[in-house]
Amino acid sequence: MDYTALYRQAMADGATDYAQTIVTCAVQAAQAGAITPKDVAALVAEVKTHGGVRHGGLW
């Protein structure tokens, strides 16, 4: 699953709650080893371009 693309689209649509949900899902996927560190880094970079999200102190 391309969490970065999903996040980018949610932000483009103004769906910030959905964008936060995507980040939450990506964190859980990373913890389960279901996505690569490269995928996580790409999502983090995208989140930072939008000023971050409020998610338990992440980013």
PDB file of N, CA and C in Angstrom:
ATOM      1  N   MET A   1       0.853  -1.169   0.000  1.00  0.00           N
ATOM      2  CA  MET A   1       0.000   0.000   0.000  1.00  0.00           C
ATOM      3  C   MET A   1       0.902   1.236   0.000  1.00  0.00           C
ATOM      4  N   ASP A   2       0.557   2.204  -0.785  1.00  0.00           N
ATOM      5  CA  ASP A   2       1.356   3.430  -0.888  1.00  0.00           C
ATOM      6  C   ASP A   2       0.774   4.482   0.059  1.00  0.00           C
ATOM      7  N   TYR A   3       1.241   4.449   1.296  1.00  0.00           N
ATOM      8  CA  TYR A   3       0.739   5.379   2.300  1.00  0.00           C
ATOM      9  C   TYR A   3       1.068   6.828   1.951  1.00  0.00           C
ATOM     10  N   THR A   4       2.198   7.038   1.310  1.00  0.00           N
ATOM     11  CA  THR A   4       2.576   8.401   0.938  1.00  0.00           C
ATOM     12  C   THR A   4       1.591   8.977  -0.068  1.00  0.00           C
ATOM     13  N   ALA A   5       1.230   8.204  -1.071  1.00  0.00           N
ATOM     14  CA  ALA A   5       0.272   8.680  -2.069  1.00  0.00           C
ATOM     15  C   ALA A   5      -1.102   8.909  -1.434  1.00  0.00           C
ATOM     16  N   LEU A   6      -1.502   8.013  -0.554  1.00  0.00           N
ATOM     17  CA  LEU A   6      -2.787   8.181   0.125  1.00  0.00           C
ATOM     18  C   LEU A   6      -2.790   9.452   0.971  1.00  0.00           C
ATOM     19  N   TYR A   7      -1.703   9.670   1.698  1.00  0.00           N
ATOM     20  CA  TYR A   7      -1.586  10.868   2.536  1.00  0.00           C
ATOM     21  C   TYR A   7      -1.616  12.126   1.670  1.00  0.00           C
ATOM     22  N   ARG A   8      -0.843  12.119   0.604  1.00  0.00           N
ATOM     23  CA  ARG A   8      -0.776  13.282  -0.295  1.00  0.00           C
ATOM     24  C   ARG A   8      -2.163  13.617  -0.848  1.00  0.00           C
ATOM     25  N   GLN A   9      -2.906  12.599  -1.263  1.00  0.00           N
ATOM     26  CA  GLN A   9      -4.242  12.827  -1.808  1.00  0.00           C
ATOM     27  C   GLN A   9      -5.198  13.341  -0.738  1.00  0.00           C
ATOM     28  N   ALA A  10      -5.122  12.772   0.453  1.00  0.00           N
ATOM     29  CA  ALA A  10      -5.984  13.232   1.541  1.00  0.00           C
ATOM     30  C   ALA A  10      -5.723  14.701   1.838  1.00  0.00           C
ATOM     31  N   MET A  11      -4.466  15.089   1.875  1.00  0.00           N
ATOM     32  CA  MET A  11      -4.141  16.491   2.143  1.00  0.00           C
ATOM     33  C   MET A  11      -4.616  17.385   0.997  1.00  0.00           C
ATOM     34  N   ALA A  12      -4.472  16.931  -0.224  1.00  0.00           N
ATOM     35  CA  ALA A  12      -4.937  17.702  -1.376  1.00  0.00           C
ATOM     36  C   ALA A  12      -6.446  17.901  -1.326  1.00  0.00           C
ATOM     37  N   ASP A  13      -7.142  16.910  -0.787  1.00  0.00           N
ATOM     38  CA  ASP A  13      -8.603  16.987  -0.665  1.00  0.00           C
ATOM     39  C   ASP A  13      -9.050  17.745   0.583  1.00  0.00           C
ATOM     40  N   GLY A  14      -8.097  18.124   1.422  1.00  0.00           N
ATOM     41  CA  GLY A  14      -8.438  18.818   2.661  1.00  0.00           C
ATOM     42  C   GLY A  14      -8.960  17.894   3.743  1.00  0.00           C
ATOM     43  N   ALA A  15      -8.729  16.604   3.580  1.00  0.00           N
ATOM     44  CA  ALA A  15      -9.229  15.603   4.523  1.00  0.00           C
ATOM     45  C   ALA A  15      -8.165  15.308   5.581  1.00  0.00           C
ATOM     46  N   THR A  16      -7.947  16.272   6.460  1.00  0.00           N
ATOM     47  CA  THR A  16      -6.855  16.142   7.426  1.00  0.00           C
ATOM     48  C   THR A  16      -7.085  15.012   8.433  1.00  0.00           C
ATOM     49  N   ASP A  17      -8.323  14.762   8.821  1.00  0.00           N
ATOM     50  CA  ASP A  17      -8.595  13.644   9.732  1.00  0.00           C
ATOM     51  C   ASP A  17      -8.223  12.322   9.071  1.00  0.00           C
ATOM     52  N   TYR A  18      -8.565  12.195   7.799  1.00  0.00           N
ATOM     53  CA  TYR A  18      -8.212  10.979   7.057  1.00  0.00           C
ATOM     54  C   TYR A  18      -6.696  10.875   6.919  1.00  0.00           C
ATOM     55  N   ALA A  19      -6.031  11.985   6.685  1.00  0.00           N
ATOM     56  CA  ALA A  19      -4.572  11.983   6.571  1.00  0.00           C
ATOM     57  C   ALA A  19      -3.950  11.473   7.874  1.00  0.00           C
ATOM     58  N   GLN A  20      -4.497  11.891   9.006  1.00  0.00           N
ATOM     59  CA  GLN A  20      -3.983  11.412  10.289  1.00  0.00           C
ATOM     60  C   GLN A  20      -4.230   9.915  10.451  1.00  0.00           C
ATOM     61  N   THR A  21      -5.362   9.440   9.970  1.00  0.00           N
ATOM     62  CA  THR A  21      -5.659   8.012  10.017  1.00  0.00           C
ATOM     63  C   THR A  21      -4.656   7.232   9.178  1.00  0.00           C
ATOM     64  N   ILE A  22      -4.303   7.768   8.030  1.00  0.00           N
ATOM     65  CA  ILE A  22      -3.319   7.118   7.167  1.00  0.00           C
ATOM     66  C   ILE A  22      -1.974   7.014   7.884  1.00  0.00           C
ATOM     67  N   VAL A  23      -1.574   8.076   8.557  1.00  0.00           N
ATOM     68  CA  VAL A  23      -0.316   8.048   9.305  1.00  0.00           C
ATOM     69  C   VAL A  23      -0.384   6.986  10.400  1.00  0.00           C
ATOM     70  N   THR A  24      -1.497   6.921  11.102  1.00  0.00           N
ATOM     71  CA  THR A  24      -1.669   5.915  12.154  1.00  0.00           C
ATOM     72  C   THR A  24      -1.528   4.507  11.577  1.00  0.00           C
ATOM     73  N   CYS A  25      -2.173   4.266  10.456  1.00  0.00           N
ATOM     74  CA  CYS A  25      -2.089   2.947   9.807  1.00  0.00           C
ATOM     75  C   CYS A  25      -0.660   2.643   9.371  1.00  0.00           C
ATOM     76  N   ALA A  26       0.017   3.638   8.848  1.00  0.00           N
ATOM     77  CA  ALA A  26       1.397   3.441   8.406  1.00  0.00           C
ATOM     78  C   ALA A  26       2.313   3.125   9.582  1.00  0.00           C
ATOM     79  N   VAL A  27       2.103   3.797  10.705  1.00  0.00           N
ATOM     80  CA  VAL A  27       2.903   3.513  11.906  1.00  0.00           C
ATOM     81  C   VAL A  27       2.680   2.065  12.334  1.00  0.00           C
ATOM     82  N   GLN A  28       1.439   1.635  12.342  1.00  0.00           N
ATOM     83  CA  GLN A  28       1.132   0.253  12.729  1.00  0.00           C
ATOM     84  C   GLN A  28       1.738  -0.735  11.744  1.00  0.00           C
ATOM     85  N   ALA A  29       1.681  -0.416  10.455  1.00  0.00           N
ATOM     86  CA  ALA A  29       2.282  -1.286   9.437  1.00  0.00           C
ATOM     87  C   ALA A  29       3.791  -1.370   9.621  1.00  0.00           C
ATOM     88  N   ALA A  30       4.412  -0.242   9.938  1.00  0.00           N
ATOM     89  CA  ALA A  30       5.859  -0.230  10.161  1.00  0.00           C
ATOM     90  C   ALA A  30       6.219  -1.072  11.389  1.00  0.00           C
ATOM     91  N   GLN A  31       5.439  -0.944  12.442  1.00  0.00           N
ATOM     92  CA  GLN A  31       5.696  -1.721  13.658  1.00  0.00           C
ATOM     93  C   GLN A  31       5.561  -3.218  13.397  1.00  0.00           C
ATOM     94  N   ALA A  32       4.688  -3.568  12.475  1.00  0.00           N
ATOM     95  CA  ALA A  32       4.477  -4.978  12.128  1.00  0.00           C
ATOM     96  C   ALA A  32       5.466  -5.468  11.076  1.00  0.00           C
ATOM     97  N   GLY A  33       6.305  -4.566  10.582  1.00  0.00           N
ATOM     98  CA  GLY A  33       7.275  -4.936   9.557  1.00  0.00           C
ATOM     99  C   GLY A  33       6.673  -5.086   8.177  1.00  0.00           C
ATOM    100  N   ALA A  34       5.489  -4.514   7.981  1.00  0.00           N
ATOM    101  CA  ALA A  34       4.784  -4.668   6.711  1.00  0.00           C
ATOM    102  C   ALA A  34       5.189  -3.648   5.653  1.00  0.00           C
ATOM    103  N   ILE A  35       5.878  -2.579   6.062  1.00  0.00           N
ATOM    104  CA  ILE A  35       6.392  -1.615   5.092  1.00  0.00           C
ATOM    105  C   ILE A  35       7.866  -1.388   5.381  1.00  0.00           C
ATOM    106  N   THR A  36       8.582  -0.973   4.375  1.00  0.00           N
ATOM    107  CA  THR A  36      10.034  -0.832   4.487  1.00  0.00           C
ATOM    108  C   THR A  36      10.423   0.496   5.118  1.00  0.00           C
ATOM    109  N   PRO A  37      11.632   0.578   5.629  1.00  0.00           N
ATOM    110  CA  PRO A  37      12.120   1.862   6.140  1.00  0.00           C
ATOM    111  C   PRO A  37      12.094   2.953   5.063  1.00  0.00           C
ATOM    112  N   LYS A  38      12.309   2.575   3.818  1.00  0.00           N
ATOM    113  CA  LYS A  38      12.246   3.538   2.723  1.00  0.00           C
ATOM    114  C   LYS A  38      10.827   4.102   2.592  1.00  0.00           C
ATOM    115  N   ASP A  39       9.821   3.245   2.736  1.00  0.00           N
ATOM    116  CA  ASP A  39       8.424   3.690   2.689  1.00  0.00           C
ATOM    117  C   ASP A  39       8.123   4.657   3.841  1.00  0.00           C
ATOM    118  N   VAL A  40       8.615   4.318   5.012  1.00  0.00           N
ATOM    119  CA  VAL A  40       8.405   5.173   6.181  1.00  0.00           C
ATOM    120  C   VAL A  40       9.065   6.530   5.962  1.00  0.00           C
ATOM    121  N   ALA A  41      10.293   6.519   5.451  1.00  0.00           N
ATOM    122  CA  ALA A  41      11.022   7.770   5.210  1.00  0.00           C
ATOM    123  C   ALA A  41      10.288   8.646   4.198  1.00  0.00           C
ATOM    124  N   ALA A  42       9.723   8.039   3.173  1.00  0.00           N
ATOM    125  CA  ALA A  42       8.981   8.804   2.167  1.00  0.00           C
ATOM    126  C   ALA A  42       7.744   9.451   2.785  1.00  0.00           C
ATOM    127  N   LEU A  43       7.046   8.711   3.633  1.00  0.00           N
ATOM    128  CA  LEU A  43       5.860   9.260   4.290  1.00  0.00           C
ATOM    129  C   LEU A  43       6.253  10.386   5.246  1.00  0.00           C
ATOM    130  N   VAL A  44       7.300  10.184   6.013  1.00  0.00           N
ATOM    131  CA  VAL A  44       7.757  11.220   6.944  1.00  0.00           C
ATOM    132  C   VAL A  44       8.096  12.499   6.177  1.00  0.00           C
ATOM    133  N   ALA A  45       8.797  12.360   5.067  1.00  0.00           N
ATOM    134  CA  ALA A  45       9.155  13.535   4.260  1.00  0.00           C
ATOM    135  C   ALA A  45       7.907  14.250   3.755  1.00  0.00           C
ATOM    136  N   GLU A  46       6.914  13.497   3.321  1.00  0.00           N
ATOM    137  CA  GLU A  46       5.666  14.097   2.833  1.00  0.00           C
ATOM    138  C   GLU A  46       4.929  14.801   3.963  1.00  0.00           C
ATOM    139  N   VAL A  47       4.851  14.160   5.113  1.00  0.00           N
ATOM    140  CA  VAL A  47       4.173  14.765   6.265  1.00  0.00           C
ATOM    141  C   VAL A  47       4.856  16.079   6.633  1.00  0.00           C
ATOM    142  N   LYS A  48       6.176  16.092   6.624  1.00  0.00           N
ATOM    143  CA  LYS A  48       6.913  17.309   6.968  1.00  0.00           C
ATOM    144  C   LYS A  48       6.632  18.443   5.988  1.00  0.00           C
ATOM    145  N   THR A  49       6.363  18.137   4.731  1.00  0.00           N
ATOM    146  CA  THR A  49       6.058  19.200   3.764  1.00  0.00           C
ATOM    147  C   THR A  49       4.732  19.869   4.077  1.00  0.00           C
ATOM    148  N   HIS A  50       3.903  19.190   4.857  1.00  0.00           N
ATOM    149  CA  HIS A  50       2.595  19.732   5.234  1.00  0.00           C
ATOM    150  C   HIS A  50       2.584  20.239   6.667  1.00  0.00           C
ATOM    151  N   GLY A  51       3.748  20.375   7.265  1.00  0.00           N
ATOM    152  CA  GLY A  51       3.837  20.910   8.617  1.00  0.00           C
ATOM    153  C   GLY A  51       3.594  19.887   9.709  1.00  0.00           C
ATOM    154  N   GLY A  52       3.574  18.614   9.345  1.00  0.00           N
ATOM    155  CA  GLY A  52       3.404  17.561  10.340  1.00  0.00           C
ATOM    156  C   GLY A  52       1.949  17.335  10.691  1.00  0.00           C
ATOM    157  N   VAL A  53       1.728  16.326  11.506  1.00  0.00           N
ATOM    158  CA  VAL A  53       0.395  16.027  12.017  1.00  0.00           C
ATOM    159  C   VAL A  53       0.505  15.805  13.517  1.00  0.00           C
ATOM    160  N   ARG A  54      -0.581  16.004  14.193  1.00  0.00           N
ATOM    161  CA  ARG A  54      -0.610  15.733  15.633  1.00  0.00           C
ATOM    162  C   ARG A  54      -0.962  14.264  15.818  1.00  0.00           C
ATOM    163  N   HIS A  55       0.051  13.494  16.136  1.00  0.00           N
ATOM    164  CA  HIS A  55      -0.160  12.051  16.273  1.00  0.00           C
ATOM    165  C   HIS A  55       0.731  11.515  17.369  1.00  0.00           C
ATOM    166  N   GLY A  56       0.291  11.673  18.574  1.00  0.00           N
ATOM    167  CA  GLY A  56       1.033  11.125  19.688  1.00  0.00           C
ATOM    168  C   GLY A  56       2.484  11.571  19.761  1.00  0.00           C
ATOM    169  N   GLY A  57       2.742  12.779  19.305  1.00  0.00           N
ATOM    170  CA  GLY A  57       4.098  13.315  19.377  1.00  0.00           C
ATOM    171  C   GLY A  57       4.976  12.937  18.197  1.00  0.00           C
ATOM    172  N   LEU A  58       4.439  12.207  17.240  1.00  0.00           N
ATOM    173  CA  LEU A  58       5.242  11.848  16.077  1.00  0.00           C
ATOM    174  C   LEU A  58       5.308  13.011  15.113  1.00  0.00           C
ATOM    175  N   TRP A  59       6.440  13.188  14.552  1.00  0.00           N
ATOM    176  CA  TRP A  59       6.715  14.252  13.574  1.00  0.00           C
ATOM    177  C   TRP A  59       6.376  15.583  14.144  1.00  0.00           C
TER     178      TRP A  59
END
